[in-house]
Amino acid sequence: MPTTKRDYYEVLGVARGAHEDEIKRAYRKLAIKFHPDKNPNDLHAEEKFKELGEAYDVLIDADKRAAYDRYGHAAFSQGAGGFGGGFHDPFDIFREAFGGGGGGIFESFFGGGGAGRADERQRGSDLRYDMQIALEEAAFGTEKEIEIRKLDTCDQCNGSGAEPGSRSINCPTCGGRGQVISSRGFFQVSQTCPRCRGVGQIIEKPCHKCGGEGRVENSSRIKLKIPAGIGSGSRLRSSRNGEAGIRGGPAGDLYVVLHIKEHPVFQRDEDDLYCEVPISFAVAALGGEVPVPTLEGKANLRIPAGTQSGQVFKLRGKGIANLEGRGRGDLLARVMVEVPTRLNSEQRRKLEEFSALCGEENTPLYRSFFERAKDFFR
C-alpha cells in the first residue's frame, strides 16, 4: 500500500501564502535540526531530511509551486503531465544563504567543499615565559639569560622526520589526498585523514630519535635585552625562539612577560618615582639638608625652615628613563616630620618653654583650621 505524502506546506511549517524568504528560513532551520550529521544512525531523521528537501524543491520554484497549489502531489506523479522528478540538491539553500556557488560555511561545517591537503611543514607553537626583574633593571635596562625546555629541531634528521636515505610516500589510507570519504546515509562526508593528518604523505622510515616529528625536547639558553624604562606587564618577543616547527616548519616565537618586583623604598608612577623621607622636628623648623636615596645612590635635599609634614620636593631627572627616549622622570620626595616618642625630663622642660614662647603667629595652619571650624565648637 503506497505511503501517503504529507502536505509540503505542513512539512516546512509555513502557510500557503508564505513568501520565498519565509520558506528558505523554515527549511534552513529544520534541515539543520534533522541533518544526518547531527543525528547519526537515526533513520527517522534521515527520512525527515529527505522529506524537507523534497518539499523545499517544490515550494521554492514558482512554476512547481503553482502546479502543486493546483493539483497537489498529483502534479508530480509519473504520467500526469506534471514536472516529474529531478529535485534540487538539498544543500542549494545553504550555498545561496552562506556563500554562493559552493565552498560556503555549510559545506565547511559538514566536511564538504573538497578541502585540499594540509602543509606538512607546520609552524611551531609560540611560548610564554614570565620573568621577574628589579626596579633598577627596569629603570636602566639590562641583559638577561634564561633557560627553558622546549621542542627544538631534531639534530639526527635536521627536522625532516625521516631516517637518512628514507623518503616520503603517499599515505596508503587516503591515497595521498589528505582526506578520507565516509558515507552518511545518502550523502558522503570528507574528513581529514587520521593517519597523515591531512598531509597526504607519510615517512617511509621515521627518524628513530624524534619518531618522525622532526623535533625533540631540549634545554635552551636564550639571551634577552631588557630596554630601559620597561613597565610591569610588558611583553618582549624573541623571534623564532618558540617551539620548532613540525618536519622542518618555521619555529614559533617566545614571548617574555616582565614583572617588576616591589621595591622597599620607591613606588613607581610611569616615569616618576615616589618615596617618603622622615625628618626631625628641628630640621623641619630650622631648615637644613637631609640625605635622600635615588636609584643611583645618595642625593642631598635642602629643607627650608618651616617645612610642614607631607610637603613634596622634586628631584628632577632622578626617576625612570623614558622607554621612547624622552629623557627621565623625576623623583618626588615626601617629607614626614617625625615627633619624638620618648622625652627625658630636660627635653620635656625645654620643649615646654619653647611651647610657651610660641605665639599664634607661629601656628598659621592651626589658626586657619579653627577659624573654618569655629561654628562646630559653639
Protein backbone atom coordinates (compact mmCIF):
# COMPACT_ATOMS: atom_id res chain seq x y z
CA MET A 1 0.00 0.00 0.00
CA PRO A 2 1.61 3.34 -1.04
CA THR A 3 2.59 5.80 1.68
CA THR A 4 0.52 8.98 1.82
CA LYS A 5 2.68 12.06 1.44
CA ARG A 6 2.27 14.94 3.85
CA ASP A 7 1.35 18.38 2.59
CA TYR A 8 4.56 20.24 1.64
CA TYR A 9 3.49 23.39 3.47
CA GLU A 10 2.89 21.28 6.59
CA VAL A 11 6.32 19.66 6.20
CA LEU A 12 8.04 23.06 6.27
CA GLY A 13 5.61 24.53 8.81
CA VAL A 14 4.65 27.55 6.69
CA ALA A 15 1.35 28.99 5.48
CA ARG A 16 0.20 28.56 1.88
CA GLY A 17 0.78 32.22 1.19
CA ALA A 18 4.29 32.21 2.67
CA HIS A 19 6.90 34.42 1.00
CA GLU A 20 10.00 32.85 -0.57
CA ASP A 21 12.20 34.17 2.28
CA GLU A 22 9.93 32.53 4.86
CA ILE A 23 10.24 29.21 3.04
CA LYS A 24 14.04 29.50 2.97
CA ARG A 25 14.23 30.32 6.67
CA ALA A 26 11.90 27.48 7.64
CA TYR A 27 13.81 24.96 5.55
CA ARG A 28 17.20 26.10 6.81
CA LYS A 29 16.11 25.76 10.45
CA LEU A 30 14.60 22.29 10.03
CA ALA A 31 17.35 20.97 7.77
CA ILE A 32 19.97 21.80 10.39
CA LYS A 33 17.83 20.12 13.07
CA PHE A 34 17.38 16.87 11.13
CA HIS A 35 20.71 16.78 9.29
CA PRO A 36 22.20 13.24 9.43
CA ASP A 37 25.50 14.58 10.73
CA LYS A 38 23.67 15.74 13.83
CA ASN A 39 21.60 12.56 14.03
CA PRO A 40 23.92 9.65 13.16
CA ASN A 41 22.22 6.28 12.62
CA ASP A 42 18.79 7.86 13.03
CA LEU A 43 16.66 6.64 10.13
CA HIS A 44 13.73 8.83 11.17
CA ALA A 45 15.88 11.98 10.98
CA GLU A 46 17.25 10.86 7.62
CA GLU A 47 13.75 10.42 6.22
CA LYS A 48 12.68 13.79 7.63
CA PHE A 49 15.70 15.41 5.98
CA LYS A 50 14.77 13.88 2.60
CA GLU A 51 11.15 14.95 3.02
CA LEU A 52 12.25 18.52 3.79
CA GLY A 53 14.43 18.62 0.68
CA GLU A 54 11.55 17.39 -1.50
CA ALA A 55 9.13 19.95 -0.06
CA TYR A 56 11.61 22.79 -0.41
CA ASP A 57 12.44 21.85 -4.01
CA VAL A 58 8.79 22.26 -4.99
CA LEU A 59 7.83 25.31 -2.96
CA ILE A 60 10.91 27.37 -3.81
CA ASP A 61 10.28 27.00 -7.56
CA ALA A 62 7.49 29.34 -8.74
CA ASP A 63 6.27 27.02 -11.54
CA LYS A 64 6.35 23.87 -9.43
CA ARG A 65 4.67 25.64 -6.54
CA ALA A 66 1.86 26.86 -8.81
CA ALA A 67 1.32 23.34 -10.11
CA TYR A 68 1.38 21.92 -6.58
CA ASP A 69 -1.11 24.53 -5.33
CA ARG A 70 -3.46 23.49 -8.18
CA TYR A 71 -3.05 19.70 -8.37
CA GLY A 72 -1.27 18.73 -5.14
CA HIS A 73 1.13 15.76 -5.24
CA ALA A 74 -0.55 14.52 -8.42
CA ALA A 75 1.26 17.29 -10.31
CA PHE A 76 4.50 15.34 -9.98
CA SER A 77 3.32 11.76 -10.44
CA GLN A 78 4.58 9.83 -13.46
CA GLY A 79 2.35 10.18 -16.49
CA ALA A 80 0.31 13.01 -15.05
CA GLY A 81 1.81 15.61 -17.32
CA GLY A 82 3.50 17.19 -14.34
CA PHE A 83 7.08 18.14 -13.66
CA GLY A 84 8.30 14.67 -12.74
CA GLY A 85 11.33 14.12 -10.55
CA GLY A 86 14.64 15.91 -10.58
CA PHE A 87 14.61 17.65 -7.20
CA HIS A 88 17.35 20.15 -6.48
CA ASP A 89 20.35 19.34 -4.28
CA PRO A 90 19.08 19.90 -0.69
CA PHE A 91 22.23 21.92 0.05
CA ASP A 92 21.36 24.62 -2.53
CA ILE A 93 19.60 26.76 0.06
CA PHE A 94 22.72 26.79 2.23
CA ARG A 95 25.01 27.62 -0.68
CA GLU A 96 22.74 30.52 -1.55
CA ALA A 97 22.49 31.77 2.04
CA PHE A 98 26.08 31.21 3.19
CA GLY A 99 28.50 31.57 0.36
CA GLY A 100 27.20 31.34 -3.18
CA GLY A 101 28.32 28.60 -5.52
CA GLY A 102 30.00 26.08 -3.27
CA GLY A 103 32.59 26.07 -0.54
CA GLY A 104 30.40 28.12 1.82
CA ILE A 105 30.09 27.89 5.57
CA PHE A 106 27.65 24.98 5.47
CA GLU A 107 29.92 22.80 3.35
CA SER A 108 32.91 23.64 5.51
CA PHE A 109 30.99 22.82 8.67
CA PHE A 110 29.89 19.42 7.44
CA GLY A 111 33.17 18.49 5.79
CA GLY A 112 32.32 19.27 2.16
CA GLY A 113 33.91 21.60 -0.33
CA GLY A 114 36.79 19.33 -1.31
CA ALA A 115 39.43 20.66 1.09
CA GLY A 116 42.99 20.40 -0.12
CA ARG A 117 45.92 18.73 1.54
CA ALA A 118 47.49 20.27 4.61
CA ASP A 119 51.06 21.54 4.57
CA GLU A 120 53.27 19.00 6.33
CA ARG A 121 55.70 21.77 7.35
CA GLN A 122 53.67 23.16 10.22
CA ARG A 123 54.80 26.21 12.20
CA GLY A 124 55.86 25.60 15.78
CA SER A 125 53.88 26.89 18.76
CA ASP A 126 54.58 30.22 20.44
CA LEU A 127 55.80 30.03 24.04
CA ARG A 128 55.37 32.30 27.08
CA TYR A 129 57.93 32.89 29.83
CA ASP A 130 57.25 35.03 32.93
CA MET A 131 60.28 36.86 34.32
CA GLN A 132 60.77 38.99 37.44
CA ILE A 133 63.21 41.89 37.32
CA ALA A 134 64.27 44.54 39.82
CA LEU A 135 63.10 48.15 39.58
CA GLU A 136 66.69 49.24 38.90
CA GLU A 137 66.88 46.84 35.94
CA ALA A 138 63.65 48.22 34.53
CA ALA A 139 64.87 51.80 35.02
CA PHE A 140 68.23 51.47 33.27
CA GLY A 141 67.83 48.38 31.11
CA THR A 142 69.79 45.15 31.34
CA GLU A 143 70.60 41.87 29.64
CA LYS A 144 69.27 38.55 30.91
CA GLU A 145 69.83 34.94 30.02
CA ILE A 146 67.05 32.43 30.57
CA GLU A 147 66.91 28.66 30.26
CA ILE A 148 63.78 26.92 29.02
CA ARG A 149 62.87 23.42 27.90
CA LYS A 150 61.21 23.33 24.51
CA LEU A 151 60.91 21.32 21.32
CA ASP A 152 63.91 22.01 19.08
CA THR A 153 64.78 20.74 15.61
CA CYS A 154 66.00 17.15 15.72
CA ASP A 155 69.74 17.04 15.02
CA GLN A 156 69.51 13.48 13.74
CA CYS A 157 67.21 14.19 10.77
CA ASN A 158 67.59 18.02 10.62
CA GLY A 159 63.85 18.38 11.11
CA SER A 160 62.74 16.21 8.19
CA GLY A 161 61.44 13.42 10.45
CA ALA A 162 62.98 10.77 8.20
CA GLU A 163 65.91 8.44 8.70
CA PRO A 164 68.84 9.24 6.39
CA GLY A 165 68.12 7.74 2.97
CA SER A 166 64.40 7.38 3.68
CA ARG A 167 61.74 9.20 1.70
CA SER A 168 58.12 10.34 1.90
CA ILE A 169 55.44 8.25 0.20
CA ASN A 170 51.74 8.69 -0.46
CA CYS A 171 49.61 7.83 2.56
CA PRO A 172 48.02 4.42 1.89
CA THR A 173 44.93 5.33 3.91
CA CYS A 174 43.89 8.34 1.81
CA GLY A 175 45.94 7.69 -1.33
CA GLY A 176 47.80 10.98 -0.97
CA ARG A 177 44.67 13.16 -0.93
CA GLY A 178 44.86 14.06 2.77
CA GLN A 179 41.13 13.39 3.06
CA VAL A 180 39.06 10.26 3.60
CA ILE A 181 35.45 9.95 2.50
CA SER A 182 32.81 8.19 4.55
CA SER A 183 29.17 7.56 3.72
CA ARG A 184 26.46 9.07 5.91
CA GLY A 185 23.15 7.81 4.66
CA PHE A 186 22.52 9.10 1.14
CA PHE A 187 25.47 11.51 1.01
CA GLN A 188 29.25 11.46 1.62
CA VAL A 189 31.39 13.36 4.09
CA SER A 190 35.04 14.26 3.56
CA GLN A 191 37.26 14.30 6.66
CA THR A 192 40.94 14.81 7.44
CA CYS A 193 42.90 11.58 7.14
CA PRO A 194 43.71 10.34 10.67
CA ARG A 195 46.95 8.68 9.59
CA CYS A 196 48.72 11.52 7.77
CA ARG A 197 46.76 14.36 9.47
CA GLY A 198 45.76 15.77 6.11
CA VAL A 199 49.29 15.95 4.69
CA GLY A 200 48.78 13.15 2.20
CA GLN A 201 52.33 11.88 2.77
CA ILE A 202 53.88 9.61 5.36
CA ILE A 203 57.53 8.91 6.04
CA GLU A 204 58.71 5.55 4.79
CA LYS A 205 61.13 5.13 7.70
CA PRO A 206 60.65 7.65 10.57
CA CYS A 207 63.69 9.04 12.38
CA HIS A 208 64.44 6.85 15.40
CA LYS A 209 65.28 9.88 17.58
CA CYS A 210 62.20 12.06 17.03
CA GLY A 211 59.71 9.42 15.86
CA GLY A 212 59.14 11.21 12.57
CA GLU A 213 58.07 14.57 14.02
CA GLY A 214 61.34 16.33 13.25
CA ARG A 215 61.83 17.78 16.73
CA VAL A 216 62.92 16.71 20.22
CA GLU A 217 62.76 18.34 23.65
CA ASN A 218 65.92 20.14 24.76
CA SER A 219 67.05 22.80 27.23
CA SER A 220 67.85 26.08 25.51
CA ARG A 221 69.61 29.19 26.83
CA ILE A 222 68.34 32.44 25.36
CA LYS A 223 69.73 35.96 25.83
CA LEU A 224 67.32 38.86 26.14
CA LYS A 225 67.89 42.61 26.09
CA ILE A 226 65.63 44.48 28.52
CA PRO A 227 65.19 48.10 27.37
CA ALA A 228 65.42 50.98 29.84
CA GLY A 229 62.02 52.24 31.02
CA ILE A 230 60.16 48.95 30.51
CA GLY A 231 56.95 48.63 32.52
CA SER A 232 55.48 45.77 34.51
CA GLY A 233 53.33 43.52 32.33
CA SER A 234 55.23 44.44 29.16
CA ARG A 235 55.81 41.63 26.69
CA LEU A 236 59.03 41.09 24.75
CA ARG A 237 59.10 38.92 21.65
CA SER A 238 62.10 36.76 20.82
CA SER A 239 61.55 35.72 17.21
CA ARG A 240 61.94 32.05 16.28
CA ASN A 241 62.78 31.03 19.85
CA GLY A 242 59.49 29.23 20.41
CA GLU A 243 58.95 25.57 19.57
CA ALA A 244 60.47 24.21 16.38
CA GLY A 245 58.07 23.52 13.54
CA ILE A 246 56.93 20.03 12.56
CA ARG A 247 59.05 18.40 9.84
CA GLY A 248 61.17 21.44 9.18
CA GLY A 249 58.41 24.03 9.54
CA PRO A 250 59.30 27.50 10.87
CA ALA A 251 59.75 27.93 14.61
CA GLY A 252 57.27 29.85 16.73
CA ASP A 253 58.15 32.89 18.83
CA LEU A 254 58.99 33.23 22.52
CA TYR A 255 57.07 35.89 24.45
CA VAL A 256 58.64 37.05 27.72
CA VAL A 257 56.25 38.80 30.12
CA LEU A 258 58.04 41.06 32.61
CA HIS A 259 57.01 41.54 36.24
CA ILE A 260 58.81 44.21 38.30
CA LYS A 261 59.48 43.29 41.92
CA GLU A 262 58.12 45.52 44.67
CA HIS A 263 60.80 47.94 45.87
CA PRO A 264 61.36 48.56 49.60
CA VAL A 265 61.82 52.33 49.16
CA PHE A 266 60.33 53.55 45.87
CA GLN A 267 56.90 53.46 44.27
CA ARG A 268 56.67 53.96 40.51
CA ASP A 269 54.15 56.00 38.51
CA GLU A 270 55.09 55.71 34.83
CA ASP A 271 58.46 57.54 34.60
CA ASP A 272 58.32 59.13 38.07
CA LEU A 273 59.38 57.68 41.40
CA TYR A 274 57.97 58.47 44.84
CA CYS A 275 59.45 57.94 48.28
CA GLU A 276 58.87 59.14 51.84
CA VAL A 277 61.73 60.75 53.78
CA PRO A 278 61.47 61.21 57.57
CA ILE A 279 62.95 64.41 59.02
CA SER A 280 63.25 65.61 62.58
CA PHE A 281 61.12 68.36 64.09
CA ALA A 282 64.20 70.52 64.47
CA VAL A 283 65.18 70.23 60.79
CA ALA A 284 61.62 70.97 59.73
CA ALA A 285 61.54 74.08 61.95
CA LEU A 286 65.09 75.35 61.41
CA GLY A 287 65.84 74.02 57.92
CA GLY A 288 68.85 72.01 56.82
CA GLU A 289 69.95 69.24 54.50
CA VAL A 290 68.92 65.59 54.60
CA PRO A 291 70.14 62.62 52.54
CA VAL A 292 67.64 61.18 50.03
CA PRO A 293 68.03 57.80 48.31
CA THR A 294 67.94 57.61 44.50
CA LEU A 295 68.38 54.69 42.11
CA GLU A 296 71.94 55.92 41.52
CA GLY A 297 72.90 56.46 45.15
CA LYS A 298 72.55 59.26 47.72
CA ALA A 299 71.46 62.82 46.95
CA ASN A 300 71.20 65.78 49.36
CA LEU A 301 67.86 67.54 49.71
CA ARG A 302 67.71 71.08 51.08
CA ILE A 303 64.88 71.54 53.58
CA PRO A 304 63.77 75.16 54.05
CA ALA A 305 62.87 76.42 57.54
CA GLY A 306 59.23 75.92 58.45
CA THR A 307 58.68 72.87 56.24
CA GLN A 308 55.41 71.13 57.01
CA SER A 309 54.92 67.38 57.22
CA GLY A 310 53.75 65.92 53.92
CA GLN A 311 55.39 68.57 51.77
CA VAL A 312 56.73 67.17 48.47
CA PHE A 313 60.09 68.07 46.94
CA LYS A 314 61.06 67.25 43.36
CA LEU A 315 64.48 65.96 42.31
CA ARG A 316 64.47 66.43 38.55
CA GLY A 317 65.81 63.68 36.31
CA LYS A 318 66.16 61.15 39.12
CA GLY A 319 63.28 58.93 38.03
CA ILE A 320 62.90 56.24 35.34
CA ALA A 321 64.27 56.52 31.81
CA ASN A 322 61.52 57.06 29.25
CA LEU A 323 61.00 53.98 27.07
CA GLU A 324 60.79 56.13 23.94
CA GLY A 325 63.97 58.05 24.73
CA ARG A 326 62.37 61.27 26.01
CA GLY A 327 64.67 61.85 28.99
CA ARG A 328 63.96 60.67 32.52
CA GLY A 329 61.22 61.16 35.01
CA ASP A 330 61.56 62.81 38.43
CA LEU A 331 61.94 61.63 41.99
CA LEU A 332 59.30 63.13 44.29
CA ALA A 333 60.30 63.00 47.96
CA ARG A 334 57.53 63.48 50.50
CA VAL A 335 58.95 64.59 53.87
CA MET A 336 57.34 63.30 57.05
CA VAL A 337 58.11 65.22 60.26
CA GLU A 338 58.89 62.74 62.98
CA VAL A 339 57.65 63.53 66.51
CA PRO A 340 59.84 62.24 69.36
CA THR A 341 58.19 59.37 71.20
CA ARG A 342 60.26 59.44 74.43
CA LEU A 343 61.47 62.60 76.19
CA ASN A 344 63.69 62.84 79.27
CA SER A 345 62.98 65.46 81.90
CA GLU A 346 65.41 68.03 80.47
CA GLN A 347 64.00 67.65 76.94
CA ARG A 348 60.46 67.94 78.23
CA ARG A 349 61.28 71.12 80.20
CA LYS A 350 62.92 72.77 77.19
CA LEU A 351 60.00 71.84 74.93
CA GLU A 352 57.50 73.28 77.39
CA GLU A 353 59.50 76.52 77.44
CA PHE A 354 59.51 76.55 73.65
CA SER A 355 55.75 75.96 73.55
CA ALA A 356 55.15 78.86 75.92
CA LEU A 357 57.28 81.13 73.74
CA CYS A 358 55.37 80.24 70.56
CA GLY A 359 52.57 82.65 69.88
CA GLU A 360 49.66 82.27 67.49
CA GLU A 361 51.71 83.87 64.72
CA ASN A 362 53.80 80.67 64.58
CA THR A 363 50.77 78.39 64.01
CA PRO A 364 49.06 79.62 60.83
CA LEU A 365 47.62 76.19 59.92
CA TYR A 366 46.20 75.76 63.42
CA ARG A 367 44.58 79.20 63.36
CA SER A 368 43.19 78.69 59.84
CA PHE A 369 41.63 75.36 60.76
CA PHE A 370 39.85 76.64 63.88
CA GLU A 371 38.68 79.72 62.04
CA ARG A 372 36.97 77.48 59.46
CA ALA A 373 35.62 75.12 62.11
CA LYS A 374 34.58 77.66 64.78
CA ASP A 375 30.86 77.05 64.22
CA PHE A 376 31.30 73.42 65.36
CA PHE A 377 32.67 74.48 68.75
CA ARG A 378 29.77 76.69 69.82
